[in-house]
Amino acid sequence: MLVVPIDMIPKVCNKEDRSIGGNMKQKIFCNLIVMSLIFVSLVFAAVSIADATEFGIEEVLNAIKQEIQTARQQDTGSPTLKIDKVEVELSVVTKKDAGGGIKVVVLGFTLGAESAAETTNSQKIQIALIPEGLTPVASTPELGLVAAIREVKSALRNTLNTPPPFKLDKLTFEIEFAVEKKADGKINFVIVDLTGARNVKATHKVKIEMSRKT
């Protein structure tokens, strides 16, 4: 494959070729370069659009509720910590569906694909949820948030059980995460680390308030 640096194109195309048929060959060569660059740009744009991963709001919220419920059921040890409130902030986009109507989707990503969310103007939806009761749910695989909640609870218990004595009033912690579509099409929550190892632009937040159960 012939590779010509972009900054060399003006120099090549503006230079006069005095050989027989030189100018015609030069024009053909320059046109081919320009057409190739346009083609590559269109291909990259098409790939960027195709790689966009979207989820329904209901699908994501139900998965978050499942994670919170699992975390509540795993609450063992002393003192008992209860989840009082869950606030969710989702990055969404509004777009037209095939029938001309409006639909709102949650932005996500697929592992191994560059997310098109980097160039998408997104809106925010904020939802506040209060858990009610503790209805047992069937054992399901953890989706990525439970482990973080479990770790925070464990650290807090260790702190409360270590002298000097303190009384817990309230704990609030926030998790920033991305929504991944796995190979089987199911949802997975990926916590965004501080090192920037996961360069995902479409991120969401969940803020959890906990207190000591009396």
N, C-alpha and C. Protein backbone atom coordinates (compact mmCIF):
# COMPACT_ATOMS: atom_id res chain seq x y z
N MET A 1 0.85 -1.20 0.00
CA MET A 1 0.00 0.00 0.00
C MET A 1 0.88 1.24 0.00
N LEU A 2 0.58 2.19 -0.87
CA LEU A 2 1.32 3.44 -0.94
C LEU A 2 0.76 4.40 0.09
N VAL A 3 1.62 4.88 0.98
CA VAL A 3 1.21 5.82 2.03
C VAL A 3 1.88 7.15 1.79
N VAL A 4 1.10 8.20 1.67
CA VAL A 4 1.62 9.55 1.44
C VAL A 4 1.19 10.43 2.60
N PRO A 5 2.14 11.04 3.33
CA PRO A 5 1.76 11.93 4.43
C PRO A 5 0.85 13.04 3.93
N ILE A 6 -0.17 13.40 4.75
CA ILE A 6 -1.14 14.41 4.33
C ILE A 6 -0.48 15.75 4.05
N ASP A 7 0.53 16.10 4.87
CA ASP A 7 1.16 17.41 4.67
C ASP A 7 2.01 17.47 3.40
N MET A 8 2.23 16.32 2.75
CA MET A 8 3.00 16.31 1.52
C MET A 8 2.12 16.51 0.29
N ILE A 9 0.81 16.32 0.44
CA ILE A 9 -0.10 16.41 -0.71
C ILE A 9 -0.03 17.77 -1.38
N PRO A 10 -0.13 18.90 -0.65
CA PRO A 10 -0.04 20.20 -1.33
C PRO A 10 1.26 20.37 -2.09
N LYS A 11 2.39 19.86 -1.54
CA LYS A 11 3.68 20.02 -2.19
C LYS A 11 3.72 19.23 -3.50
N VAL A 12 3.19 18.00 -3.44
CA VAL A 12 3.21 17.15 -4.62
C VAL A 12 2.28 17.69 -5.69
N CYS A 13 1.07 18.08 -5.28
CA CYS A 13 0.04 18.49 -6.25
C CYS A 13 0.31 19.88 -6.83
N ASN A 14 1.04 20.72 -6.14
CA ASN A 14 1.28 22.08 -6.63
C ASN A 14 2.59 22.19 -7.42
N LYS A 15 3.38 21.14 -7.40
CA LYS A 15 4.67 21.17 -8.09
C LYS A 15 4.46 20.86 -9.58
N GLU A 16 5.00 21.67 -10.44
CA GLU A 16 4.81 21.49 -11.88
C GLU A 16 5.73 20.40 -12.41
N ASP A 17 5.14 19.48 -13.18
CA ASP A 17 5.91 18.39 -13.79
C ASP A 17 6.08 18.71 -15.28
N ARG A 18 7.33 18.95 -15.74
CA ARG A 18 7.59 19.39 -17.11
C ARG A 18 7.83 18.20 -18.06
N SER A 19 7.77 16.98 -17.55
CA SER A 19 8.00 15.84 -18.44
C SER A 19 6.78 15.62 -19.32
N ILE A 20 6.95 14.76 -20.40
CA ILE A 20 5.85 14.52 -21.33
C ILE A 20 4.69 13.84 -20.60
N GLY A 21 3.55 14.47 -20.67
CA GLY A 21 2.38 13.91 -19.97
C GLY A 21 2.48 14.03 -18.46
N GLY A 22 3.48 14.76 -17.99
CA GLY A 22 3.72 14.84 -16.55
C GLY A 22 2.57 15.45 -15.77
N ASN A 23 2.05 16.60 -16.27
CA ASN A 23 0.98 17.28 -15.55
C ASN A 23 -0.28 16.42 -15.45
N MET A 24 -0.60 15.70 -16.53
CA MET A 24 -1.80 14.85 -16.51
C MET A 24 -1.62 13.72 -15.48
N LYS A 25 -0.41 13.10 -15.48
CA LYS A 25 -0.14 12.04 -14.51
C LYS A 25 -0.23 12.59 -13.08
N GLN A 26 0.28 13.82 -12.92
CA GLN A 26 0.27 14.44 -11.59
C GLN A 26 -1.15 14.67 -11.11
N LYS A 27 -2.02 15.14 -12.03
CA LYS A 27 -3.41 15.40 -11.64
C LYS A 27 -4.13 14.11 -11.27
N ILE A 28 -3.90 13.05 -12.05
CA ILE A 28 -4.52 11.76 -11.75
C ILE A 28 -4.05 11.24 -10.40
N PHE A 29 -2.74 11.37 -10.15
CA PHE A 29 -2.17 10.91 -8.89
C PHE A 29 -2.78 11.66 -7.70
N CYS A 30 -2.90 12.99 -7.83
CA CYS A 30 -3.45 13.81 -6.74
C CYS A 30 -4.92 13.49 -6.51
N ASN A 31 -5.65 13.30 -7.60
CA ASN A 31 -7.07 12.95 -7.46
C ASN A 31 -7.25 11.61 -6.74
N LEU A 32 -6.38 10.66 -7.06
CA LEU A 32 -6.46 9.36 -6.39
C LEU A 32 -6.19 9.48 -4.90
N ILE A 33 -5.23 10.33 -4.55
CA ILE A 33 -4.91 10.53 -3.13
C ILE A 33 -6.10 11.13 -2.39
N VAL A 34 -6.69 12.18 -2.97
CA VAL A 34 -7.83 12.85 -2.33
C VAL A 34 -9.00 11.89 -2.18
N MET A 35 -9.30 11.13 -3.25
CA MET A 35 -10.41 10.18 -3.20
C MET A 35 -10.16 9.10 -2.15
N SER A 36 -8.91 8.67 -2.01
CA SER A 36 -8.57 7.64 -1.01
C SER A 36 -8.79 8.16 0.39
N LEU A 37 -8.38 9.42 0.61
CA LEU A 37 -8.55 10.01 1.95
C LEU A 37 -10.03 10.16 2.29
N ILE A 38 -10.83 10.58 1.30
CA ILE A 38 -12.27 10.72 1.53
C ILE A 38 -12.88 9.37 1.87
N PHE A 39 -12.47 8.32 1.13
CA PHE A 39 -13.00 6.98 1.36
C PHE A 39 -12.66 6.50 2.77
N VAL A 40 -11.40 6.70 3.18
CA VAL A 40 -10.98 6.28 4.52
C VAL A 40 -11.78 7.01 5.59
N SER A 41 -12.00 8.31 5.39
CA SER A 41 -12.77 9.10 6.37
C SER A 41 -14.19 8.57 6.49
N LEU A 42 -14.81 8.23 5.36
CA LEU A 42 -16.17 7.71 5.37
C LEU A 42 -16.23 6.36 6.06
N VAL A 43 -15.22 5.53 5.83
CA VAL A 43 -15.19 4.21 6.48
C VAL A 43 -15.11 4.35 7.98
N PHE A 44 -14.20 5.24 8.46
CA PHE A 44 -14.05 5.43 9.90
C PHE A 44 -15.33 6.00 10.50
N ALA A 45 -15.98 6.91 9.80
CA ALA A 45 -17.24 7.48 10.31
C ALA A 45 -18.30 6.41 10.41
N ALA A 46 -18.37 5.55 9.39
CA ALA A 46 -19.37 4.48 9.40
C ALA A 46 -19.11 3.51 10.54
N VAL A 47 -17.84 3.17 10.77
CA VAL A 47 -17.50 2.25 11.86
C VAL A 47 -17.87 2.86 13.19
N SER A 48 -17.59 4.17 13.37
CA SER A 48 -17.90 4.85 14.62
C SER A 48 -19.39 4.79 14.92
N ILE A 49 -20.23 5.00 13.88
CA ILE A 49 -21.67 4.97 14.10
C ILE A 49 -22.13 3.55 14.40
N ALA A 50 -21.57 2.58 13.67
CA ALA A 50 -22.00 1.20 13.84
C ALA A 50 -21.64 0.66 15.22
N ASP A 51 -20.55 1.20 15.82
CA ASP A 51 -20.09 0.68 17.09
C ASP A 51 -20.87 1.23 18.27
N ALA A 52 -21.80 2.14 18.05
CA ALA A 52 -22.59 2.68 19.14
C ALA A 52 -23.41 1.57 19.78
N THR A 53 -23.38 1.49 21.12
CA THR A 53 -24.13 0.48 21.85
C THR A 53 -25.18 1.18 22.70
N GLU A 54 -26.41 0.72 22.58
CA GLU A 54 -27.51 1.38 23.27
C GLU A 54 -28.30 0.37 24.09
N PHE A 55 -28.88 0.84 25.19
CA PHE A 55 -29.70 0.02 26.05
C PHE A 55 -30.99 0.77 26.38
N GLY A 56 -32.04 0.04 26.66
CA GLY A 56 -33.27 0.66 27.10
C GLY A 56 -33.13 1.11 28.55
N ILE A 57 -33.81 2.20 28.92
CA ILE A 57 -33.74 2.71 30.29
C ILE A 57 -34.23 1.65 31.27
N GLU A 58 -35.34 1.01 30.93
CA GLU A 58 -35.91 -0.02 31.81
C GLU A 58 -34.93 -1.17 32.02
N GLU A 59 -34.23 -1.56 30.95
CA GLU A 59 -33.26 -2.66 31.04
C GLU A 59 -32.15 -2.34 32.02
N VAL A 60 -31.62 -1.12 31.95
CA VAL A 60 -30.51 -0.72 32.83
C VAL A 60 -30.98 -0.57 34.27
N LEU A 61 -32.13 0.09 34.46
CA LEU A 61 -32.63 0.29 35.82
C LEU A 61 -32.95 -1.03 36.51
N ASN A 62 -33.53 -1.98 35.77
CA ASN A 62 -33.83 -3.28 36.36
C ASN A 62 -32.55 -4.01 36.77
N ALA A 63 -31.50 -3.87 35.98
CA ALA A 63 -30.23 -4.50 36.32
C ALA A 63 -29.62 -3.85 37.57
N ILE A 64 -29.74 -2.52 37.70
CA ILE A 64 -29.23 -1.83 38.88
C ILE A 64 -30.03 -2.26 40.11
N LYS A 65 -31.34 -2.35 39.99
CA LYS A 65 -32.19 -2.80 41.10
C LYS A 65 -31.79 -4.22 41.53
N GLN A 66 -31.49 -5.05 40.57
CA GLN A 66 -31.06 -6.42 40.89
C GLN A 66 -29.77 -6.41 41.69
N GLU A 67 -28.82 -5.55 41.30
CA GLU A 67 -27.55 -5.45 42.02
C GLU A 67 -27.76 -4.94 43.45
N ILE A 68 -28.62 -3.94 43.61
CA ILE A 68 -28.89 -3.40 44.95
C ILE A 68 -29.55 -4.46 45.83
N GLN A 69 -30.50 -5.19 45.26
CA GLN A 69 -31.19 -6.23 46.01
C GLN A 69 -30.22 -7.33 46.44
N THR A 70 -29.31 -7.70 45.55
CA THR A 70 -28.32 -8.72 45.88
C THR A 70 -27.41 -8.23 47.00
N ALA A 71 -27.00 -6.97 46.93
CA ALA A 71 -26.13 -6.40 47.96
C ALA A 71 -26.84 -6.36 49.32
N ARG A 72 -28.13 -6.08 49.31
CA ARG A 72 -28.90 -6.05 50.56
C ARG A 72 -29.01 -7.45 51.17
N GLN A 73 -29.20 -8.45 50.33
CA GLN A 73 -29.33 -9.82 50.83
C GLN A 73 -28.02 -10.36 51.36
N GLN A 74 -26.91 -9.81 50.90
CA GLN A 74 -25.61 -10.27 51.34
C GLN A 74 -25.14 -9.54 52.60
N ASP A 75 -26.00 -8.76 53.20
CA ASP A 75 -25.62 -7.95 54.36
C ASP A 75 -25.48 -8.83 55.59
N THR A 76 -24.26 -9.29 55.85
CA THR A 76 -23.96 -10.10 57.02
C THR A 76 -22.90 -9.41 57.85
N GLY A 77 -22.86 -9.73 59.13
CA GLY A 77 -21.88 -9.11 60.01
C GLY A 77 -22.54 -8.07 60.89
N SER A 78 -21.76 -7.54 61.77
CA SER A 78 -22.25 -6.56 62.73
C SER A 78 -21.34 -5.34 62.72
N PRO A 79 -21.92 -4.14 62.75
CA PRO A 79 -23.35 -3.82 62.73
C PRO A 79 -23.99 -4.06 61.36
N THR A 80 -25.31 -4.19 61.35
CA THR A 80 -26.04 -4.35 60.10
C THR A 80 -26.21 -3.00 59.42
N LEU A 81 -25.86 -2.93 58.16
CA LEU A 81 -25.94 -1.68 57.41
C LEU A 81 -27.06 -1.79 56.38
N LYS A 82 -27.92 -0.84 56.36
CA LYS A 82 -29.03 -0.86 55.42
C LYS A 82 -28.87 0.22 54.36
N ILE A 83 -29.35 -0.09 53.17
CA ILE A 83 -29.33 0.87 52.07
C ILE A 83 -30.63 1.65 52.10
N ASP A 84 -30.53 2.95 52.35
CA ASP A 84 -31.72 3.79 52.51
C ASP A 84 -32.20 4.38 51.20
N LYS A 85 -31.27 4.73 50.33
CA LYS A 85 -31.65 5.44 49.11
C LYS A 85 -30.62 5.21 48.03
N VAL A 86 -31.09 5.13 46.79
CA VAL A 86 -30.21 4.95 45.64
C VAL A 86 -30.55 6.01 44.60
N GLU A 87 -29.57 6.81 44.23
CA GLU A 87 -29.77 7.82 43.19
C GLU A 87 -28.96 7.42 41.96
N VAL A 88 -29.62 7.39 40.83
CA VAL A 88 -28.98 6.96 39.58
C VAL A 88 -28.99 8.10 38.58
N GLU A 89 -27.85 8.32 37.94
CA GLU A 89 -27.74 9.31 36.87
C GLU A 89 -27.27 8.58 35.61
N LEU A 90 -28.11 8.61 34.58
CA LEU A 90 -27.80 7.92 33.34
C LEU A 90 -27.54 8.90 32.21
N SER A 91 -26.55 8.60 31.39
CA SER A 91 -26.29 9.37 30.18
C SER A 91 -27.14 8.78 29.06
N VAL A 92 -28.01 9.59 28.48
CA VAL A 92 -28.94 9.09 27.47
C VAL A 92 -28.93 10.00 26.25
N VAL A 93 -29.47 9.47 25.15
CA VAL A 93 -29.67 10.28 23.94
C VAL A 93 -31.11 10.08 23.48
N THR A 94 -31.65 11.13 22.90
CA THR A 94 -33.00 11.08 22.33
C THR A 94 -32.87 11.01 20.82
N LYS A 95 -33.57 10.05 20.21
CA LYS A 95 -33.46 9.87 18.77
C LYS A 95 -34.80 9.39 18.22
N LYS A 96 -34.93 9.47 16.91
CA LYS A 96 -36.15 9.02 16.25
C LYS A 96 -36.06 7.53 15.95
N ASP A 97 -37.20 6.84 16.14
CA ASP A 97 -37.24 5.43 15.81
C ASP A 97 -37.69 5.25 14.36
N ALA A 98 -37.82 4.01 13.93
CA ALA A 98 -38.17 3.73 12.54
C ALA A 98 -39.54 4.27 12.15
N GLY A 99 -40.43 4.39 13.13
CA GLY A 99 -41.78 4.88 12.85
C GLY A 99 -41.92 6.38 12.93
N GLY A 100 -40.81 7.08 13.16
CA GLY A 100 -40.85 8.53 13.26
C GLY A 100 -41.10 9.05 14.66
N GLY A 101 -41.26 8.12 15.63
CA GLY A 101 -41.47 8.53 17.01
C GLY A 101 -40.15 8.83 17.71
N ILE A 102 -40.23 9.17 18.99
CA ILE A 102 -39.05 9.51 19.78
C ILE A 102 -38.75 8.38 20.77
N LYS A 103 -37.49 8.02 20.87
CA LYS A 103 -37.09 7.06 21.88
C LYS A 103 -35.85 7.57 22.60
N VAL A 104 -35.74 7.20 23.87
CA VAL A 104 -34.61 7.61 24.71
C VAL A 104 -33.83 6.35 25.07
N VAL A 105 -32.54 6.35 24.79
CA VAL A 105 -31.72 5.16 25.04
C VAL A 105 -30.52 5.52 25.91
N VAL A 106 -30.06 4.53 26.64
CA VAL A 106 -28.89 4.68 27.51
C VAL A 106 -27.64 4.33 26.71
N LEU A 107 -26.61 5.14 26.82
CA LEU A 107 -25.37 4.90 26.08
C LEU A 107 -24.49 3.88 26.79
N GLY A 108 -23.93 2.97 26.00
CA GLY A 108 -23.03 1.97 26.55
C GLY A 108 -21.90 1.70 25.58
N PHE A 109 -21.25 0.55 25.75
CA PHE A 109 -20.15 0.20 24.85
C PHE A 109 -20.07 -1.31 24.73
N THR A 110 -19.39 -1.74 23.69
CA THR A 110 -19.11 -3.16 23.49
C THR A 110 -17.61 -3.35 23.54
N LEU A 111 -17.15 -4.29 24.35
CA LEU A 111 -15.72 -4.50 24.53
C LEU A 111 -15.05 -4.78 23.20
N GLY A 112 -13.94 -4.05 22.93
CA GLY A 112 -13.21 -4.25 21.69
C GLY A 112 -13.62 -3.30 20.59
N ALA A 113 -14.69 -2.52 20.83
CA ALA A 113 -15.15 -1.56 19.83
C ALA A 113 -15.01 -0.16 20.39
N GLU A 114 -14.63 0.78 19.55
CA GLU A 114 -14.50 2.19 19.95
C GLU A 114 -15.89 2.77 20.08
N SER A 115 -16.19 3.33 21.25
CA SER A 115 -17.54 3.85 21.47
C SER A 115 -17.77 5.14 20.73
N ALA A 116 -18.91 5.23 20.03
CA ALA A 116 -19.26 6.45 19.31
C ALA A 116 -19.75 7.51 20.25
N ALA A 117 -19.86 7.18 21.53
CA ALA A 117 -20.36 8.16 22.49
C ALA A 117 -19.39 9.31 22.69
N GLU A 118 -18.14 9.16 22.22
CA GLU A 118 -17.16 10.22 22.38
C GLU A 118 -17.60 11.49 21.64
N THR A 119 -18.35 11.34 20.58
CA THR A 119 -18.75 12.50 19.79
C THR A 119 -20.26 12.72 19.84
N THR A 120 -20.92 12.13 20.84
CA THR A 120 -22.36 12.25 20.96
C THR A 120 -22.72 13.21 22.08
N ASN A 121 -23.63 14.14 21.80
CA ASN A 121 -24.14 15.02 22.84
C ASN A 121 -25.22 14.29 23.60
N SER A 122 -24.98 14.03 24.87
CA SER A 122 -25.93 13.25 25.65
C SER A 122 -26.62 14.13 26.68
N GLN A 123 -27.78 13.66 27.11
CA GLN A 123 -28.52 14.30 28.19
C GLN A 123 -28.41 13.41 29.43
N LYS A 124 -28.92 13.92 30.54
CA LYS A 124 -28.86 13.17 31.79
C LYS A 124 -30.26 12.92 32.32
N ILE A 125 -30.46 11.72 32.84
CA ILE A 125 -31.68 11.38 33.55
C ILE A 125 -31.29 11.01 34.98
N GLN A 126 -31.95 11.59 35.95
CA GLN A 126 -31.66 11.31 37.35
C GLN A 126 -32.88 10.67 38.01
N ILE A 127 -32.66 9.55 38.67
CA ILE A 127 -33.73 8.81 39.32
C ILE A 127 -33.35 8.53 40.76
N ALA A 128 -34.26 8.74 41.69
CA ALA A 128 -34.05 8.41 43.10
C ALA A 128 -34.95 7.24 43.47
N LEU A 129 -34.36 6.20 44.03
CA LEU A 129 -35.09 4.99 44.40
C LEU A 129 -34.89 4.68 45.88
N ILE A 130 -35.96 4.24 46.54
CA ILE A 130 -35.89 3.84 47.94
C ILE A 130 -36.28 2.36 48.03
N PRO A 131 -35.38 1.50 48.45
CA PRO A 131 -35.70 0.07 48.54
C PRO A 131 -36.83 -0.18 49.54
N GLU A 132 -37.75 -1.08 49.18
CA GLU A 132 -38.85 -1.43 50.06
C GLU A 132 -38.87 -2.94 50.25
N GLY A 133 -38.89 -3.35 51.51
CA GLY A 133 -38.91 -4.78 51.78
C GLY A 133 -37.64 -5.46 51.34
N LEU A 134 -37.61 -6.76 51.50
CA LEU A 134 -36.44 -7.54 51.09
C LEU A 134 -36.92 -8.85 50.49
N THR A 135 -37.60 -8.73 49.37
CA THR A 135 -38.13 -9.91 48.69
C THR A 135 -36.97 -10.75 48.16
N PRO A 136 -36.89 -12.02 48.55
CA PRO A 136 -35.80 -12.88 48.06
C PRO A 136 -35.85 -12.99 46.53
N VAL A 137 -34.69 -12.94 45.92
CA VAL A 137 -34.61 -13.11 44.47
C VAL A 137 -33.74 -14.32 44.17
N ALA A 138 -33.98 -14.92 43.02
CA ALA A 138 -33.19 -16.08 42.63
C ALA A 138 -31.72 -15.70 42.50
N SER A 139 -30.85 -16.64 42.81
CA SER A 139 -29.41 -16.38 42.72
C SER A 139 -29.04 -16.07 41.28
N THR A 140 -28.44 -14.91 41.08
CA THR A 140 -28.05 -14.48 39.74
C THR A 140 -26.60 -14.00 39.77
N PRO A 141 -25.90 -14.07 38.65
CA PRO A 141 -24.52 -13.59 38.60
C PRO A 141 -24.45 -12.10 38.93
N GLU A 142 -23.42 -11.71 39.65
CA GLU A 142 -23.22 -10.29 39.94
C GLU A 142 -22.81 -9.57 38.66
N LEU A 143 -23.28 -8.33 38.53
CA LEU A 143 -23.08 -7.59 37.28
C LEU A 143 -21.99 -6.51 37.38
N GLY A 144 -21.38 -6.36 38.58
CA GLY A 144 -20.27 -5.40 38.67
C GLY A 144 -20.38 -4.39 39.79
N LEU A 145 -21.59 -4.13 40.31
CA LEU A 145 -21.74 -3.14 41.36
C LEU A 145 -21.71 -3.75 42.76
N VAL A 146 -22.15 -4.99 42.88
CA VAL A 146 -22.27 -5.63 44.19
C VAL A 146 -20.93 -5.69 44.90
N ALA A 147 -19.87 -6.03 44.18
CA ALA A 147 -18.55 -6.18 44.80
C ALA A 147 -18.10 -4.87 45.44
N ALA A 148 -18.35 -3.75 44.78
CA ALA A 148 -17.95 -2.44 45.32
C ALA A 148 -18.76 -2.13 46.59
N ILE A 149 -20.05 -2.40 46.56
CA ILE A 149 -20.90 -2.16 47.73
C ILE A 149 -20.44 -3.04 48.90
N ARG A 150 -20.16 -4.29 48.61
CA ARG A 150 -19.71 -5.23 49.65
C ARG A 150 -18.40 -4.77 50.28
N GLU A 151 -17.48 -4.28 49.46
CA GLU A 151 -16.19 -3.82 49.96
C GLU A 151 -16.34 -2.61 50.88
N VAL A 152 -17.20 -1.66 50.49
CA VAL A 152 -17.42 -0.47 51.31
C VAL A 152 -18.05 -0.85 52.65
N LYS A 153 -19.04 -1.76 52.61
CA LYS A 153 -19.67 -2.20 53.86
C LYS A 153 -18.65 -2.86 54.79
N SER A 154 -17.80 -3.70 54.24
CA SER A 154 -16.80 -4.39 55.05
C SER A 154 -15.84 -3.41 55.70
N ALA A 155 -15.37 -2.43 54.93
CA ALA A 155 -14.45 -1.43 55.47
C ALA A 155 -15.12 -0.60 56.57
N LEU A 156 -16.39 -0.26 56.35
CA LEU A 156 -17.11 0.55 57.33
C LEU A 156 -17.32 -0.23 58.63
N ARG A 157 -17.66 -1.52 58.52
CA ARG A 157 -17.84 -2.34 59.73
C ARG A 157 -16.54 -2.41 60.53
N ASN A 158 -15.43 -2.62 59.83
CA ASN A 158 -14.13 -2.70 60.51
C ASN A 158 -13.83 -1.40 61.23
N THR A 159 -14.17 -0.29 60.62
CA THR A 159 -13.94 1.02 61.25
C THR A 159 -14.79 1.20 62.49
N LEU A 160 -16.07 0.83 62.38
CA LEU A 160 -16.99 1.00 63.53
C LEU A 160 -16.64 0.07 64.68
N ASN A 161 -16.06 -1.07 64.38
CA ASN A 161 -15.71 -2.04 65.43
C ASN A 161 -14.33 -1.82 66.01
N THR A 162 -13.64 -0.80 65.54
CA THR A 162 -12.29 -0.49 66.04
C THR A 162 -12.35 0.74 66.94
N PRO A 163 -11.78 0.66 68.17
CA PRO A 163 -11.77 1.84 69.06
C PRO A 163 -10.98 2.98 68.42
N PRO A 164 -11.28 4.24 68.82
CA PRO A 164 -12.33 4.65 69.76
C PRO A 164 -13.71 4.53 69.13
N PRO A 165 -14.76 4.40 69.96
CA PRO A 165 -16.10 4.20 69.42
C PRO A 165 -16.68 5.45 68.74
N PHE A 166 -17.28 5.25 67.59
CA PHE A 166 -17.99 6.32 66.88
C PHE A 166 -19.36 5.78 66.49
N LYS A 167 -20.32 6.67 66.43
CA LYS A 167 -21.66 6.29 65.99
C LYS A 167 -21.84 6.70 64.53
N LEU A 168 -22.32 5.78 63.73
CA LEU A 168 -22.53 6.07 62.31
C LEU A 168 -23.84 6.82 62.13
N ASP A 169 -23.76 7.98 61.50
CA ASP A 169 -24.96 8.74 61.19
C ASP A 169 -25.46 8.37 59.80
N LYS A 170 -24.60 8.49 58.79
CA LYS A 170 -24.97 8.19 57.43
C LYS A 170 -23.72 8.02 56.58
N LEU A 171 -23.81 7.14 55.61
CA LEU A 171 -22.72 6.95 54.66
C LEU A 171 -23.27 7.17 53.26
N THR A 172 -22.55 7.95 52.49
CA THR A 172 -22.91 8.17 51.09
C THR A 172 -21.68 7.92 50.23
N PHE A 173 -21.81 7.06 49.25
CA PHE A 173 -20.69 6.87 48.33
C PHE A 173 -21.22 6.74 46.91
N GLU A 174 -20.39 7.15 45.98
CA GLU A 174 -20.79 7.25 44.59
C GLU A 174 -19.90 6.38 43.72
N ILE A 175 -20.53 5.68 42.79
CA ILE A 175 -19.80 4.82 41.86
C ILE A 175 -20.03 5.34 40.44
N GLU A 176 -18.96 5.54 39.71
CA GLU A 176 -19.07 5.90 38.29
C GLU A 176 -18.83 4.63 37.48
N PHE A 177 -19.71 4.37 36.55
CA PHE A 177 -19.61 3.11 35.82
C PHE A 177 -20.04 3.29 34.37
N ALA A 178 -19.68 2.31 33.56
CA ALA A 178 -20.13 2.24 32.17
C ALA A 178 -20.95 0.98 32.01
N VAL A 179 -21.82 0.99 31.00
CA VAL A 179 -22.66 -0.17 30.73
C VAL A 179 -22.11 -0.91 29.52
N GLU A 180 -21.74 -2.15 29.73
CA GLU A 180 -21.14 -2.96 28.67
C GLU A 180 -22.13 -4.00 28.17
N LYS A 181 -22.15 -4.21 26.86
CA LYS A 181 -22.92 -5.31 26.29
C LYS A 181 -21.97 -6.48 26.07
N LYS A 182 -22.22 -7.58 26.79
CA LYS A 182 -21.36 -8.76 26.69
C LYS A 182 -21.64 -9.53 25.39
N ALA A 183 -20.81 -10.52 25.15
CA ALA A 183 -20.94 -11.29 23.92
C ALA A 183 -22.30 -11.98 23.81
N ASP A 184 -22.89 -12.33 24.98
CA ASP A 184 -24.19 -12.99 24.96
C ASP A 184 -25.35 -12.00 24.94
N GLY A 185 -25.01 -10.69 24.83
CA GLY A 185 -26.04 -9.65 24.74
C GLY A 185 -26.50 -9.13 26.08
N LYS A 186 -26.00 -9.69 27.17
CA LYS A 186 -26.44 -9.27 28.50
C LYS A 186 -25.63 -8.07 29.00
N ILE A 187 -26.18 -7.42 30.04
CA ILE A 187 -25.57 -6.21 30.60
C ILE A 187 -24.47 -6.57 31.59
N ASN A 188 -23.43 -5.75 31.60
CA ASN A 188 -22.38 -5.84 32.61
C ASN A 188 -21.99 -4.41 32.99
N PHE A 189 -21.84 -4.16 34.30
CA PHE A 189 -21.45 -2.83 34.76
C PHE A 189 -19.94 -2.81 35.00
N VAL A 190 -19.28 -1.86 34.38
CA VAL A 190 -17.83 -1.73 34.50
C VAL A 190 -17.51 -0.46 35.25
N ILE A 191 -16.91 -0.61 36.42
CA ILE A 191 -16.57 0.57 37.23
C ILE A 191 -15.39 1.29 36.60
N VAL A 192 -15.52 2.59 36.43
CA VAL A 192 -14.48 3.41 35.80
C VAL A 192 -13.40 3.67 36.84
N ASP A 193 -12.19 3.20 36.56
CA ASP A 193 -11.10 3.39 37.52
C ASP A 193 -10.43 4.74 37.33
N LEU A 194 -9.65 5.10 38.33
CA LEU A 194 -9.01 6.42 38.34
C LEU A 194 -7.79 6.49 37.42
N THR A 195 -7.31 5.34 36.96
CA THR A 195 -6.11 5.35 36.12
C THR A 195 -6.43 5.65 34.66
N GLY A 196 -7.73 5.64 34.34
CA GLY A 196 -8.11 5.91 32.96
C GLY A 196 -7.88 4.74 32.04
N ALA A 197 -7.74 3.53 32.64
CA ALA A 197 -7.49 2.35 31.82
C ALA A 197 -8.65 2.07 30.89
N ARG A 198 -9.85 2.41 31.31
CA ARG A 198 -11.01 2.22 30.45
C ARG A 198 -11.43 3.59 29.93
N ASN A 199 -11.06 3.85 28.72
CA ASN A 199 -11.33 5.15 28.11
C ASN A 199 -12.74 5.16 27.50
N VAL A 200 -13.75 5.16 28.39
CA VAL A 200 -15.14 5.14 27.97
C VAL A 200 -15.76 6.49 28.31
N LYS A 201 -16.32 7.15 27.29
CA LYS A 201 -16.86 8.49 27.49
C LYS A 201 -18.28 8.48 28.05
N ALA A 202 -19.07 7.46 27.70
CA ALA A 202 -20.46 7.41 28.15
C ALA A 202 -20.51 6.74 29.52
N THR A 203 -20.42 7.52 30.59
CA THR A 203 -20.43 6.97 31.93
C THR A 203 -21.69 7.39 32.68
N HIS A 204 -21.98 6.65 33.73
CA HIS A 204 -23.17 6.86 34.52
C HIS A 204 -22.76 6.83 36.00
N LYS A 205 -23.67 7.24 36.86
CA LYS A 205 -23.34 7.28 38.29
C LYS A 205 -24.48 6.69 39.12
N VAL A 206 -24.08 6.05 40.21
CA VAL A 206 -25.06 5.61 41.19
C VAL A 206 -24.54 6.04 42.57
N LYS A 207 -25.38 6.73 43.31
CA LYS A 207 -25.02 7.20 44.64
C LYS A 207 -25.89 6.45 45.66
N ILE A 208 -25.24 5.84 46.63
CA ILE A 208 -25.93 4.98 47.59
C ILE A 208 -25.78 5.57 48.99
N GLU A 209 -26.91 5.72 49.67
CA GLU A 209 -26.93 6.19 51.06
C GLU A 209 -27.22 5.02 51.97
N MET A 210 -26.38 4.85 53.00
CA MET A 210 -26.55 3.76 53.94
C MET A 210 -26.51 4.29 55.37
N SER A 211 -27.15 3.56 56.25
CA SER A 211 -27.12 3.90 57.68
C SER A 211 -27.11 2.60 58.49
N ARG A 212 -26.91 2.74 59.77
CA ARG A 212 -26.88 1.57 60.66
C ARG A 212 -28.30 1.15 61.01
N LYS A 213 -28.57 -0.12 60.82
CA LYS A 213 -29.92 -0.61 61.11
C LYS A 213 -30.10 -0.74 62.62
N THR A 214 -31.20 -0.19 63.12
CA THR A 214 -31.45 -0.21 64.57
C THR A 214 -32.53 -1.23 64.91
